[in-house]
Amino acid sequence: MAICFIVDRENPREPDILGPIAHLPLTVADAQKNIVFDMAAPADGWTQFLLEAATAHLEFSELDAFLGAEWVGSTEV
């Protein structure tokens, strides 16, 4: 099941969640809080597309994704 990231902006009135944390490492944890994936941020920072591409191979049913300590998505959204 794919992780649904909540960092994309649909319109300019929405807050920029990704901008301030785009250069932090990505960590993905399973339901027991075990880290199953981690990756440093790309040089230009994360985008919605890059986050989805980096985690597309993960096939766990319950995952939470974080940039630094900030929760940015889950398979449970």
N, C-alpha and C. Protein backbone atom coordinates (compact mmCIF):
# COMPACT_ATOMS: atom_id res chain seq x y z
N MET A 1 0.84 -1.18 0.00
CA MET A 1 0.00 0.00 0.00
C MET A 1 0.88 1.24 0.00
N ALA A 2 0.59 2.20 -0.84
CA ALA A 2 1.40 3.40 -0.97
C ALA A 2 1.17 4.37 0.18
N ILE A 3 2.20 5.12 0.49
CA ILE A 3 2.08 6.17 1.50
C ILE A 3 1.41 7.37 0.87
N CYS A 4 0.43 7.91 1.55
CA CYS A 4 -0.22 9.15 1.11
C CYS A 4 0.47 10.31 1.84
N PHE A 5 1.18 11.13 1.06
CA PHE A 5 1.88 12.29 1.64
C PHE A 5 0.94 13.49 1.64
N ILE A 6 1.02 14.30 2.69
CA ILE A 6 0.12 15.43 2.86
C ILE A 6 0.83 16.77 2.68
N VAL A 7 1.84 16.81 1.84
CA VAL A 7 2.67 18.02 1.71
C VAL A 7 2.39 18.83 0.46
N ASP A 8 1.56 18.32 -0.44
CA ASP A 8 1.27 19.03 -1.68
C ASP A 8 0.32 20.19 -1.42
N ARG A 9 0.50 21.29 -2.13
CA ARG A 9 -0.38 22.45 -1.99
C ARG A 9 -1.33 22.50 -3.17
N GLU A 10 -2.61 22.46 -2.90
CA GLU A 10 -3.62 22.51 -3.95
C GLU A 10 -3.85 23.94 -4.43
N ASN A 11 -3.67 24.91 -3.54
CA ASN A 11 -3.83 26.32 -3.92
C ASN A 11 -2.94 27.18 -3.03
N PRO A 12 -2.66 28.42 -3.43
CA PRO A 12 -1.74 29.28 -2.69
C PRO A 12 -2.20 29.66 -1.28
N ARG A 13 -3.48 29.49 -0.96
CA ARG A 13 -3.98 29.83 0.37
C ARG A 13 -3.65 28.76 1.41
N GLU A 14 -3.27 27.57 0.96
CA GLU A 14 -2.91 26.50 1.88
C GLU A 14 -1.51 26.73 2.43
N PRO A 15 -1.27 26.31 3.67
CA PRO A 15 0.08 26.50 4.24
C PRO A 15 1.12 25.66 3.51
N ASP A 16 2.34 26.16 3.45
CA ASP A 16 3.45 25.43 2.86
C ASP A 16 4.05 24.52 3.93
N ILE A 17 3.63 23.28 3.93
CA ILE A 17 4.11 22.32 4.92
C ILE A 17 5.52 21.86 4.56
N LEU A 18 5.77 21.64 3.27
CA LEU A 18 7.03 21.03 2.84
C LEU A 18 8.21 21.99 2.86
N GLY A 19 8.02 23.22 2.45
CA GLY A 19 9.14 24.16 2.30
C GLY A 19 10.11 24.20 3.47
N PRO A 20 9.63 24.40 4.70
CA PRO A 20 10.55 24.52 5.84
C PRO A 20 11.27 23.22 6.20
N ILE A 21 10.77 22.07 5.74
CA ILE A 21 11.38 20.79 6.14
C ILE A 21 11.89 19.98 4.95
N ALA A 22 11.92 20.57 3.78
CA ALA A 22 12.26 19.86 2.54
C ALA A 22 13.68 19.30 2.52
N HIS A 23 14.56 19.81 3.36
CA HIS A 23 15.95 19.34 3.35
C HIS A 23 16.27 18.39 4.52
N LEU A 24 15.23 17.98 5.23
CA LEU A 24 15.43 17.03 6.33
C LEU A 24 15.36 15.60 5.81
N PRO A 25 15.97 14.66 6.51
CA PRO A 25 15.94 13.27 6.05
C PRO A 25 14.53 12.67 6.15
N LEU A 26 14.25 11.76 5.24
CA LEU A 26 12.99 11.02 5.22
C LEU A 26 13.17 9.73 6.01
N THR A 27 12.26 9.48 6.93
CA THR A 27 12.25 8.24 7.70
C THR A 27 10.86 7.64 7.61
N VAL A 28 10.79 6.34 7.42
CA VAL A 28 9.52 5.64 7.38
C VAL A 28 9.54 4.56 8.46
N ALA A 29 8.49 4.54 9.28
CA ALA A 29 8.40 3.57 10.37
C ALA A 29 7.15 2.71 10.22
N ASP A 30 7.24 1.46 10.69
CA ASP A 30 6.10 0.56 10.65
C ASP A 30 5.22 0.80 11.88
N ALA A 31 4.18 0.00 12.03
CA ALA A 31 3.22 0.17 13.12
C ALA A 31 3.85 0.01 14.51
N GLN A 32 4.96 -0.73 14.58
CA GLN A 32 5.66 -0.90 15.86
C GLN A 32 6.76 0.14 16.07
N LYS A 33 6.79 1.16 15.22
CA LYS A 33 7.77 2.26 15.30
C LYS A 33 9.18 1.84 14.88
N ASN A 34 9.31 0.69 14.21
CA ASN A 34 10.61 0.27 13.68
C ASN A 34 10.87 1.02 12.38
N ILE A 35 12.06 1.55 12.23
CA ILE A 35 12.41 2.25 11.00
C ILE A 35 12.64 1.21 9.91
N VAL A 36 11.87 1.33 8.83
CA VAL A 36 11.98 0.39 7.72
C VAL A 36 12.65 1.02 6.50
N PHE A 37 12.80 2.35 6.54
CA PHE A 37 13.43 3.06 5.41
C PHE A 37 13.88 4.43 5.89
N ASP A 38 15.06 4.84 5.46
CA ASP A 38 15.50 6.22 5.71
C ASP A 38 16.39 6.66 4.56
N MET A 39 16.31 7.94 4.27
CA MET A 39 17.07 8.48 3.15
C MET A 39 17.31 9.97 3.39
N ALA A 40 18.52 10.40 3.09
CA ALA A 40 18.85 11.82 3.17
C ALA A 40 18.08 12.58 2.09
N ALA A 41 17.85 13.84 2.33
CA ALA A 41 17.14 14.66 1.36
C ALA A 41 18.01 14.89 0.12
N PRO A 42 17.38 14.98 -1.04
CA PRO A 42 18.13 15.34 -2.25
C PRO A 42 18.71 16.75 -2.10
N ALA A 43 19.70 17.08 -2.89
CA ALA A 43 20.35 18.39 -2.79
C ALA A 43 19.37 19.55 -2.91
N ASP A 44 18.37 19.42 -3.76
CA ASP A 44 17.38 20.49 -3.94
C ASP A 44 16.19 20.35 -3.01
N GLY A 45 16.20 19.36 -2.14
CA GLY A 45 15.10 19.15 -1.20
C GLY A 45 14.04 18.23 -1.77
N TRP A 46 13.19 17.76 -0.88
CA TRP A 46 12.11 16.86 -1.26
C TRP A 46 10.99 17.60 -1.97
N THR A 47 10.33 16.91 -2.87
CA THR A 47 9.08 17.36 -3.48
C THR A 47 8.07 16.24 -3.24
N GLN A 48 6.81 16.53 -3.47
CA GLN A 48 5.79 15.49 -3.36
C GLN A 48 6.15 14.30 -4.25
N PHE A 49 6.54 14.58 -5.49
CA PHE A 49 6.90 13.53 -6.44
C PHE A 49 8.07 12.69 -5.94
N LEU A 50 9.12 13.34 -5.44
CA LEU A 50 10.30 12.61 -4.97
C LEU A 50 9.99 11.75 -3.75
N LEU A 51 9.15 12.26 -2.85
CA LEU A 51 8.75 11.46 -1.68
C LEU A 51 8.00 10.20 -2.12
N GLU A 52 7.07 10.37 -3.05
CA GLU A 52 6.31 9.22 -3.54
C GLU A 52 7.22 8.23 -4.27
N ALA A 53 8.14 8.73 -5.08
CA ALA A 53 9.04 7.85 -5.83
C ALA A 53 9.98 7.09 -4.89
N ALA A 54 10.48 7.76 -3.86
CA ALA A 54 11.43 7.13 -2.94
C ALA A 54 10.80 6.02 -2.12
N THR A 55 9.50 6.09 -1.91
CA THR A 55 8.84 5.10 -1.04
C THR A 55 7.93 4.14 -1.79
N ALA A 56 7.87 4.24 -3.10
CA ALA A 56 6.96 3.41 -3.90
C ALA A 56 7.21 1.92 -3.73
N HIS A 57 8.43 1.54 -3.43
CA HIS A 57 8.77 0.12 -3.30
C HIS A 57 8.36 -0.50 -1.97
N LEU A 58 7.98 0.31 -1.00
CA LEU A 58 7.64 -0.20 0.32
C LEU A 58 6.27 -0.88 0.27
N GLU A 59 6.19 -2.09 0.82
CA GLU A 59 4.96 -2.86 0.72
C GLU A 59 4.38 -3.26 2.06
N PHE A 60 4.68 -2.52 3.10
CA PHE A 60 4.11 -2.78 4.42
C PHE A 60 2.70 -2.19 4.47
N SER A 61 1.84 -2.74 5.32
CA SER A 61 0.46 -2.26 5.34
C SER A 61 0.27 -1.02 6.21
N GLU A 62 1.05 -0.85 7.26
CA GLU A 62 0.91 0.31 8.14
C GLU A 62 2.24 1.02 8.25
N LEU A 63 2.32 2.20 7.63
CA LEU A 63 3.56 2.98 7.64
C LEU A 63 3.26 4.43 7.95
N ASP A 64 4.19 5.08 8.63
CA ASP A 64 4.16 6.52 8.84
C ASP A 64 5.46 7.10 8.32
N ALA A 65 5.37 8.24 7.64
CA ALA A 65 6.54 8.89 7.06
C ALA A 65 6.81 10.22 7.77
N PHE A 66 8.08 10.52 7.95
CA PHE A 66 8.51 11.73 8.65
C PHE A 66 9.63 12.40 7.88
N LEU A 67 9.62 13.71 7.87
CA LEU A 67 10.78 14.50 7.46
C LEU A 67 11.31 15.11 8.74
N GLY A 68 12.49 14.67 9.15
CA GLY A 68 12.96 15.02 10.48
C GLY A 68 11.98 14.41 11.48
N ALA A 69 11.47 15.22 12.40
CA ALA A 69 10.48 14.74 13.38
C ALA A 69 9.05 15.04 12.95
N GLU A 70 8.87 15.70 11.81
CA GLU A 70 7.55 16.13 11.34
C GLU A 70 6.86 15.02 10.55
N TRP A 71 5.67 14.60 11.01
CA TRP A 71 4.89 13.59 10.29
C TRP A 71 4.40 14.18 8.98
N VAL A 72 4.61 13.47 7.87
CA VAL A 72 4.22 13.99 6.55
C VAL A 72 3.35 13.04 5.75
N GLY A 73 3.06 11.85 6.27
CA GLY A 73 2.21 10.94 5.52
C GLY A 73 2.10 9.58 6.16
N SER A 74 1.16 8.79 5.60
CA SER A 74 0.88 7.48 6.16
C SER A 74 0.15 6.63 5.13
N THR A 75 0.20 5.33 5.33
CA THR A 75 -0.64 4.43 4.54
C THR A 75 -2.06 4.44 5.09
N GLU A 76 -2.26 5.01 6.24
CA GLU A 76 -3.55 5.01 6.92
C GLU A 76 -4.36 6.29 6.70
N VAL A 77 -3.93 7.16 5.80
CA VAL A 77 -4.65 8.42 5.56
C VAL A 77 -5.84 8.16 4.69
